[in-house]
Amino acid sequence: MTERAGGPADPASEDRPELGGPDVVGSFGPLYDRYARELHRYLRRRVGQVADDLVAETFVVAMQHRQDYSPDRGTARSWLYGIATNLLRGHVREEARTLRTAAKMVGEAQQNADPPDTRVPDQVDARDQVTRLTAALAEIDPGNRDALLLTTWAGMDASEVAEALSIPVATVRTRLHRGRRQLRAELAANRRPRRTGEGSLGDE
């Protein structure tokens, strides 16, 4: 972390920069260095190789609309994830396909691993849960999925998700509740007889 004279930089100020000035490169260079990699990881889990283009597009949109960002309304991180989420809405089918493919690959890897009698039961169970969860995520409402994955994969709390999606915190909590309920329903359905590569999420 960079330091100022007299002590370390304030983390809050680093994530609530002023972006409306004329020095676009000076403003966005540090943001890119700080968040591009984690945004790419998050988007790749959701849409696979399309993530490469979406990260670039996220920062292009951010630069074009930098006057819309206000440090008083939220962090730069939440703002960038919000832009990325808006862009994801044009790739809903791609996301569902990516999640189903990932679930299938996990399932096939599990089947092609060590023979059943030599596998550690806990490892088998964990892999099975990942497979079923990933497939179930592909089936739930996209808005609920956004809230769930911003919480679990991006590590945001409800207020940060609200900032990212520009919705009230109460709406975030409603979407999380509905998303978990949809996941439980999908997982319960997939336990009998399970289609290849389906996935589990526990309660809150």
C-alpha atoms as a PDB file:
ATOM      1  CA  MET A   1       0.000   0.000   0.000  1.00  0.00           C
ATOM      2  CA  THR A   2       1.206   3.469  -0.807  1.00  0.00           C
ATOM      3  CA  GLU A   3       2.082   5.759   2.081  1.00  0.00           C
ATOM      4  CA  ARG A   4       1.661   9.438   2.644  1.00  0.00           C
ATOM      5  CA  ALA A   5       3.954  11.654   4.657  1.00  0.00           C
ATOM      6  CA  GLY A   6       3.212  11.010   8.275  1.00  0.00           C
ATOM      7  CA  GLY A   7       1.661   7.568   7.901  1.00  0.00           C
ATOM      8  CA  PRO A   8       0.024   4.959   5.663  1.00  0.00           C
ATOM      9  CA  ALA A   9      -2.596   5.858   3.100  1.00  0.00           C
ATOM     10  CA  ASP A  10      -6.218   5.639   4.102  1.00  0.00           C
ATOM     11  CA  PRO A  11      -7.670   2.480   2.461  1.00  0.00           C
ATOM     12  CA  ALA A  12     -11.083   4.128   2.250  1.00  0.00           C
ATOM     13  CA  SER A  13      -9.703   7.053   0.232  1.00  0.00           C
ATOM     14  CA  GLU A  14      -7.885   4.675  -2.113  1.00  0.00           C
ATOM     15  CA  ASP A  15     -11.159   2.940  -2.963  1.00  0.00           C
ATOM     16  CA  ARG A  16     -13.160   6.167  -3.239  1.00  0.00           C
ATOM     17  CA  PRO A  17     -11.002   8.107  -5.706  1.00  0.00           C
ATOM     18  CA  GLU A  18     -11.949  11.253  -7.550  1.00  0.00           C
ATOM     19  CA  LEU A  19     -12.409  10.192 -11.172  1.00  0.00           C
ATOM     20  CA  GLY A  20     -13.926  13.263 -12.762  1.00  0.00           C
ATOM     21  CA  GLY A  21     -10.685  15.111 -13.460  1.00  0.00           C
ATOM     22  CA  PRO A  22      -8.897  15.464 -16.809  1.00  0.00           C
ATOM     23  CA  ASP A  23      -6.140  12.948 -15.973  1.00  0.00           C
ATOM     24  CA  VAL A  24      -7.970   9.783 -17.046  1.00  0.00           C
ATOM     25  CA  VAL A  25      -4.859   7.604 -17.198  1.00  0.00           C
ATOM     26  CA  GLY A  26      -3.691   8.803 -13.808  1.00  0.00           C
ATOM     27  CA  SER A  27      -7.097   8.053 -12.309  1.00  0.00           C
ATOM     28  CA  PHE A  28      -7.796   4.693 -13.915  1.00  0.00           C
ATOM     29  CA  GLY A  29      -4.304   3.202 -14.027  1.00  0.00           C
ATOM     30  CA  PRO A  30      -4.301   2.428 -10.287  1.00  0.00           C
ATOM     31  CA  LEU A  31      -7.888   1.141 -10.476  1.00  0.00           C
ATOM     32  CA  TYR A  32      -6.971  -1.226 -13.282  1.00  0.00           C
ATOM     33  CA  ASP A  33      -3.900  -2.471 -11.447  1.00  0.00           C
ATOM     34  CA  ARG A  34      -5.919  -3.010  -8.312  1.00  0.00           C
ATOM     35  CA  TYR A  35      -9.080  -4.642  -9.655  1.00  0.00           C
ATOM     36  CA  ALA A  36      -8.609  -6.017 -13.184  1.00  0.00           C
ATOM     37  CA  ARG A  37      -7.240  -9.362 -12.036  1.00  0.00           C
ATOM     38  CA  GLU A  38      -9.931 -10.061  -9.450  1.00  0.00           C
ATOM     39  CA  LEU A  39     -12.646  -8.918 -11.856  1.00  0.00           C
ATOM     40  CA  HIS A  40     -11.265 -11.321 -14.439  1.00  0.00           C
ATOM     41  CA  ARG A  41     -11.313 -14.229 -11.976  1.00  0.00           C
ATOM     42  CA  TYR A  42     -14.897 -13.442 -11.040  1.00  0.00           C
ATOM     43  CA  LEU A  43     -16.095 -13.051 -14.624  1.00  0.00           C
ATOM     44  CA  ARG A  44     -14.219 -16.115 -15.852  1.00  0.00           C
ATOM     45  CA  ARG A  45     -16.074 -18.267 -13.334  1.00  0.00           C
ATOM     46  CA  ARG A  46     -19.318 -16.895 -14.718  1.00  0.00           C
ATOM     47  CA  VAL A  47     -18.769 -16.699 -18.484  1.00  0.00           C
ATOM     48  CA  GLY A  48     -15.479 -18.435 -19.254  1.00  0.00           C
ATOM     49  CA  GLN A  49     -13.274 -16.902 -21.950  1.00  0.00           C
ATOM     50  CA  VAL A  50     -15.735 -14.062 -22.567  1.00  0.00           C
ATOM     51  CA  ALA A  51     -14.248 -12.611 -19.361  1.00  0.00           C
ATOM     52  CA  ASP A  52     -11.258 -11.280 -21.314  1.00  0.00           C
ATOM     53  CA  ASP A  53     -13.474  -8.968 -23.344  1.00  0.00           C
ATOM     54  CA  LEU A  54     -15.762  -8.092 -20.437  1.00  0.00           C
ATOM     55  CA  VAL A  55     -12.929  -6.857 -18.221  1.00  0.00           C
ATOM     56  CA  ALA A  56     -11.693  -4.563 -20.976  1.00  0.00           C
ATOM     57  CA  GLU A  57     -15.238  -3.390 -21.705  1.00  0.00           C
ATOM     58  CA  THR A  58     -15.875  -2.749 -18.011  1.00  0.00           C
ATOM     59  CA  PHE A  59     -12.991  -0.297 -17.821  1.00  0.00           C
ATOM     60  CA  VAL A  60     -13.905   1.341 -21.132  1.00  0.00           C
ATOM     61  CA  VAL A  61     -17.452   1.938 -19.879  1.00  0.00           C
ATOM     62  CA  ALA A  62     -16.089   3.169 -16.545  1.00  0.00           C
ATOM     63  CA  MET A  63     -13.853   5.715 -18.264  1.00  0.00           C
ATOM     64  CA  GLN A  64     -16.663   6.874 -20.534  1.00  0.00           C
ATOM     65  CA  HIS A  65     -19.001   7.342 -17.577  1.00  0.00           C
ATOM     66  CA  ARG A  66     -16.489   8.442 -14.969  1.00  0.00           C
ATOM     67  CA  GLN A  67     -18.542  11.574 -14.284  1.00  0.00           C
ATOM     68  CA  ASP A  68     -21.320   9.291 -12.983  1.00  0.00           C
ATOM     69  CA  TYR A  69     -19.139   7.911 -10.195  1.00  0.00           C
ATOM     70  CA  SER A  70     -19.439   9.580  -6.802  1.00  0.00           C
ATOM     71  CA  PRO A  71     -17.267   8.513  -3.844  1.00  0.00           C
ATOM     72  CA  ASP A  72     -20.175   9.454  -1.586  1.00  0.00           C
ATOM     73  CA  ARG A  73     -22.379   6.745  -3.099  1.00  0.00           C
ATOM     74  CA  GLY A  74     -19.998   3.809  -2.877  1.00  0.00           C
ATOM     75  CA  THR A  75     -16.556   2.385  -3.518  1.00  0.00           C
ATOM     76  CA  ALA A  76     -14.858   2.167  -6.882  1.00  0.00           C
ATOM     77  CA  ARG A  77     -14.779  -1.610  -6.473  1.00  0.00           C
ATOM     78  CA  SER A  78     -18.560  -1.842  -6.110  1.00  0.00           C
ATOM     79  CA  TRP A  79     -19.001   0.537  -9.035  1.00  0.00           C
ATOM     80  CA  LEU A  80     -16.779  -1.571 -11.301  1.00  0.00           C
ATOM     81  CA  TYR A  81     -18.531  -4.789 -10.313  1.00  0.00           C
ATOM     82  CA  GLY A  82     -21.839  -3.074 -11.027  1.00  0.00           C
ATOM     83  CA  ILE A  83     -20.703  -2.158 -14.536  1.00  0.00           C
ATOM     84  CA  ALA A  84     -19.461  -5.708 -15.091  1.00  0.00           C
ATOM     85  CA  THR A  85     -22.783  -7.111 -13.871  1.00  0.00           C
ATOM     86  CA  ASN A  86     -24.694  -4.888 -16.296  1.00  0.00           C
ATOM     87  CA  LEU A  87     -22.485  -6.153 -19.111  1.00  0.00           C
ATOM     88  CA  LEU A  88     -23.078  -9.742 -18.001  1.00  0.00           C
ATOM     89  CA  ARG A  89     -26.786  -9.313 -18.699  1.00  0.00           C
ATOM     90  CA  GLY A  90     -25.961  -9.503 -22.374  1.00  0.00           C
ATOM     91  CA  HIS A  91     -24.383 -12.914 -21.805  1.00  0.00           C
ATOM     92  CA  VAL A  92     -27.017 -14.765 -19.758  1.00  0.00           C
ATOM     93  CA  ARG A  93     -27.081 -17.736 -22.121  1.00  0.00           C
ATOM     94  CA  GLU A  94     -23.296 -17.843 -22.261  1.00  0.00           C
ATOM     95  CA  GLU A  95     -23.150 -17.840 -18.472  1.00  0.00           C
ATOM     96  CA  ALA A  96     -25.640 -20.695 -18.153  1.00  0.00           C
ATOM     97  CA  ARG A  97     -23.691 -22.663 -20.758  1.00  0.00           C
ATOM     98  CA  THR A  98     -20.395 -21.970 -18.953  1.00  0.00           C
ATOM     99  CA  LEU A  99     -21.790 -23.117 -15.599  1.00  0.00           C
ATOM    100  CA  ARG A 100     -23.265 -26.293 -17.096  1.00  0.00           C
ATOM    101  CA  THR A 101     -20.007 -27.055 -18.899  1.00  0.00           C
ATOM    102  CA  ALA A 102     -18.009 -26.488 -15.705  1.00  0.00           C
ATOM    103  CA  ALA A 103     -20.332 -28.821 -13.809  1.00  0.00           C
ATOM    104  CA  LYS A 104     -19.973 -31.472 -16.499  1.00  0.00           C
ATOM    105  CA  MET A 105     -16.175 -31.180 -16.464  1.00  0.00           C
ATOM    106  CA  VAL A 106     -16.053 -31.517 -12.676  1.00  0.00           C
ATOM    107  CA  GLY A 107     -18.328 -34.542 -12.881  1.00  0.00           C
ATOM    108  CA  GLU A 108     -16.227 -36.186 -15.592  1.00  0.00           C
ATOM    109  CA  ALA A 109     -13.009 -35.461 -13.695  1.00  0.00           C
ATOM    110  CA  GLN A 110     -14.535 -37.095 -10.648  1.00  0.00           C
ATOM    111  CA  GLN A 111     -15.535 -40.174 -12.640  1.00  0.00           C
ATOM    112  CA  ASN A 112     -12.083 -40.444 -14.224  1.00  0.00           C
ATOM    113  CA  ALA A 113     -10.214 -40.039 -10.929  1.00  0.00           C
ATOM    114  CA  ASP A 114      -9.140 -42.876  -8.677  1.00  0.00           C
ATOM    115  CA  PRO A 115     -11.335 -45.989  -8.579  1.00  0.00           C
ATOM    116  CA  PRO A 116     -14.301 -45.583  -6.192  1.00  0.00           C
ATOM    117  CA  ASP A 117     -12.936 -47.948  -3.573  1.00  0.00           C
ATOM    118  CA  THR A 118      -9.700 -45.934  -3.252  1.00  0.00           C
ATOM    119  CA  ARG A 119     -11.241 -42.453  -3.002  1.00  0.00           C
ATOM    120  CA  VAL A 120     -11.544 -40.614   0.277  1.00  0.00           C
ATOM    121  CA  PRO A 121     -15.308 -40.331   0.970  1.00  0.00           C
ATOM    122  CA  ASP A 122     -15.094 -36.688   2.055  1.00  0.00           C
ATOM    123  CA  GLN A 123     -13.301 -35.760  -1.172  1.00  0.00           C
ATOM    124  CA  VAL A 124     -15.887 -37.541  -3.285  1.00  0.00           C
ATOM    125  CA  ASP A 125     -18.708 -35.820  -1.421  1.00  0.00           C
ATOM    126  CA  ALA A 126     -17.074 -32.389  -1.775  1.00  0.00           C
ATOM    127  CA  ARG A 127     -16.567 -32.824  -5.510  1.00  0.00           C
ATOM    128  CA  ASP A 128     -20.129 -34.002  -5.916  1.00  0.00           C
ATOM    129  CA  GLN A 129     -21.410 -30.933  -4.073  1.00  0.00           C
ATOM    130  CA  VAL A 130     -19.369 -28.616  -6.310  1.00  0.00           C
ATOM    131  CA  THR A 131     -20.695 -30.367  -9.404  1.00  0.00           C
ATOM    132  CA  ARG A 132     -24.300 -30.140  -8.314  1.00  0.00           C
ATOM    133  CA  LEU A 133     -24.006 -26.549  -7.077  1.00  0.00           C
ATOM    134  CA  THR A 134     -22.438 -25.307 -10.301  1.00  0.00           C
ATOM    135  CA  ALA A 135     -25.171 -26.893 -12.393  1.00  0.00           C
ATOM    136  CA  ALA A 136     -27.894 -25.556 -10.099  1.00  0.00           C
ATOM    137  CA  LEU A 137     -26.534 -22.008 -10.385  1.00  0.00           C
ATOM    138  CA  ALA A 138     -27.176 -22.163 -14.132  1.00  0.00           C
ATOM    139  CA  GLU A 139     -30.891 -22.672 -13.524  1.00  0.00           C
ATOM    140  CA  ILE A 140     -31.778 -19.878 -11.103  1.00  0.00           C
ATOM    141  CA  ASP A 141     -33.070 -16.384 -11.880  1.00  0.00           C
ATOM    142  CA  PRO A 142     -30.207 -14.184 -13.216  1.00  0.00           C
ATOM    143  CA  GLY A 143     -30.941 -11.341 -10.791  1.00  0.00           C
ATOM    144  CA  ASN A 144     -30.863 -13.681  -7.825  1.00  0.00           C
ATOM    145  CA  ARG A 145     -27.710 -15.286  -9.207  1.00  0.00           C
ATOM    146  CA  ASP A 146     -26.027 -11.864  -9.413  1.00  0.00           C
ATOM    147  CA  ALA A 147     -26.745 -11.203  -5.738  1.00  0.00           C
ATOM    148  CA  LEU A 148     -25.591 -14.663  -4.672  1.00  0.00           C
ATOM    149  CA  LEU A 149     -22.354 -14.624  -6.642  1.00  0.00           C
ATOM    150  CA  LEU A 150     -21.407 -11.065  -5.749  1.00  0.00           C
ATOM    151  CA  THR A 151     -21.773 -12.186  -2.140  1.00  0.00           C
ATOM    152  CA  THR A 152     -20.029 -15.547  -2.363  1.00  0.00           C
ATOM    153  CA  TRP A 153     -17.539 -15.197  -5.214  1.00  0.00           C
ATOM    154  CA  ALA A 154     -16.754 -11.465  -4.974  1.00  0.00           C
ATOM    155  CA  GLY A 155     -16.928 -11.442  -1.162  1.00  0.00           C
ATOM    156  CA  MET A 156     -19.297  -8.487  -0.888  1.00  0.00           C
ATOM    157  CA  ASP A 157     -21.693  -7.821   1.954  1.00  0.00           C
ATOM    158  CA  ALA A 158     -25.310  -6.790   1.341  1.00  0.00           C
ATOM    159  CA  SER A 159     -24.550  -3.069   1.374  1.00  0.00           C
ATOM    160  CA  GLU A 160     -21.750  -3.467  -1.184  1.00  0.00           C
ATOM    161  CA  VAL A 161     -23.994  -5.553  -3.434  1.00  0.00           C
ATOM    162  CA  ALA A 162     -26.623  -2.822  -3.122  1.00  0.00           C
ATOM    163  CA  GLU A 163     -24.026  -0.254  -4.236  1.00  0.00           C
ATOM    164  CA  ALA A 164     -22.960  -2.422  -7.170  1.00  0.00           C
ATOM    165  CA  LEU A 165     -26.488  -3.095  -8.402  1.00  0.00           C
ATOM    166  CA  SER A 166     -27.937   0.317  -7.470  1.00  0.00           C
ATOM    167  CA  ILE A 167     -30.766  -1.273  -5.514  1.00  0.00           C
ATOM    168  CA  PRO A 168     -31.840  -1.054  -1.856  1.00  0.00           C
ATOM    169  CA  VAL A 169     -30.189  -3.342   0.688  1.00  0.00           C
ATOM    170  CA  ALA A 170     -33.620  -4.836   1.414  1.00  0.00           C
ATOM    171  CA  THR A 171     -33.892  -5.877  -2.237  1.00  0.00           C
ATOM    172  CA  VAL A 172     -30.473  -7.517  -2.058  1.00  0.00           C
ATOM    173  CA  ARG A 173     -31.564  -9.542   0.958  1.00  0.00           C
ATOM    174  CA  THR A 174     -34.761 -10.552  -0.823  1.00  0.00           C
ATOM    175  CA  ARG A 175     -32.795 -11.715  -3.854  1.00  0.00           C
ATOM    176  CA  LEU A 176     -30.367 -13.645  -1.666  1.00  0.00           C
ATOM    177  CA  HIS A 177     -33.256 -15.346   0.107  1.00  0.00           C
ATOM    178  CA  ARG A 178     -34.990 -16.214  -3.160  1.00  0.00           C
ATOM    179  CA  GLY A 179     -31.752 -17.329  -4.773  1.00  0.00           C
ATOM    180  CA  ARG A 180     -30.940 -19.703  -1.923  1.00  0.00           C
ATOM    181  CA  ARG A 181     -34.476 -21.042  -2.022  1.00  0.00           C
ATOM    182  CA  GLN A 182     -34.201 -21.646  -5.772  1.00  0.00           C
ATOM    183  CA  LEU A 183     -30.858 -23.371  -5.289  1.00  0.00           C
ATOM    184  CA  ARG A 184     -32.251 -25.668  -2.628  1.00  0.00           C
ATOM    185  CA  ALA A 185     -35.128 -26.582  -4.926  1.00  0.00           C
ATOM    186  CA  GLU A 186     -32.770 -27.304  -7.828  1.00  0.00           C
ATOM    187  CA  LEU A 187     -30.460 -29.359  -5.651  1.00  0.00           C
ATOM    188  CA  ALA A 188     -33.327 -31.355  -4.205  1.00  0.00           C
ATOM    189  CA  ALA A 189     -34.646 -32.061  -7.704  1.00  0.00           C
ATOM    190  CA  ASN A 190     -31.222 -33.065  -8.953  1.00  0.00           C
ATOM    191  CA  ARG A 191     -30.772 -35.677  -6.253  1.00  0.00           C
ATOM    192  CA  ARG A 192     -33.266 -37.879  -8.059  1.00  0.00           C
ATOM    193  CA  PRO A 193     -32.049 -39.329 -10.526  1.00  0.00           C
ATOM    194  CA  ARG A 194     -29.294 -36.829 -11.014  1.00  0.00           C
ATOM    195  CA  ARG A 195     -28.458 -35.550 -14.469  1.00  0.00           C
ATOM    196  CA  THR A 196     -24.796 -35.522 -15.387  1.00  0.00           C
ATOM    197  CA  GLY A 197     -22.932 -32.782 -13.602  1.00  0.00           C
ATOM    198  CA  GLU A 198     -25.429 -31.058 -11.308  1.00  0.00           C
ATOM    199  CA  GLY A 199     -24.403 -28.985  -8.034  1.00  0.00           C
ATOM    200  CA  SER A 200     -25.252 -27.568  -3.400  1.00  0.00           C
ATOM    201  CA  LEU A 201     -25.399 -24.577  -1.336  1.00  0.00           C
ATOM    202  CA  GLY A 202     -26.074 -24.657   2.332  1.00  0.00           C
ATOM    203  CA  ASP A 203     -28.278 -22.283   4.196  1.00  0.00           C
ATOM    204  CA  GLU A 204     -27.029 -18.907   5.295  1.00  0.00           C
END
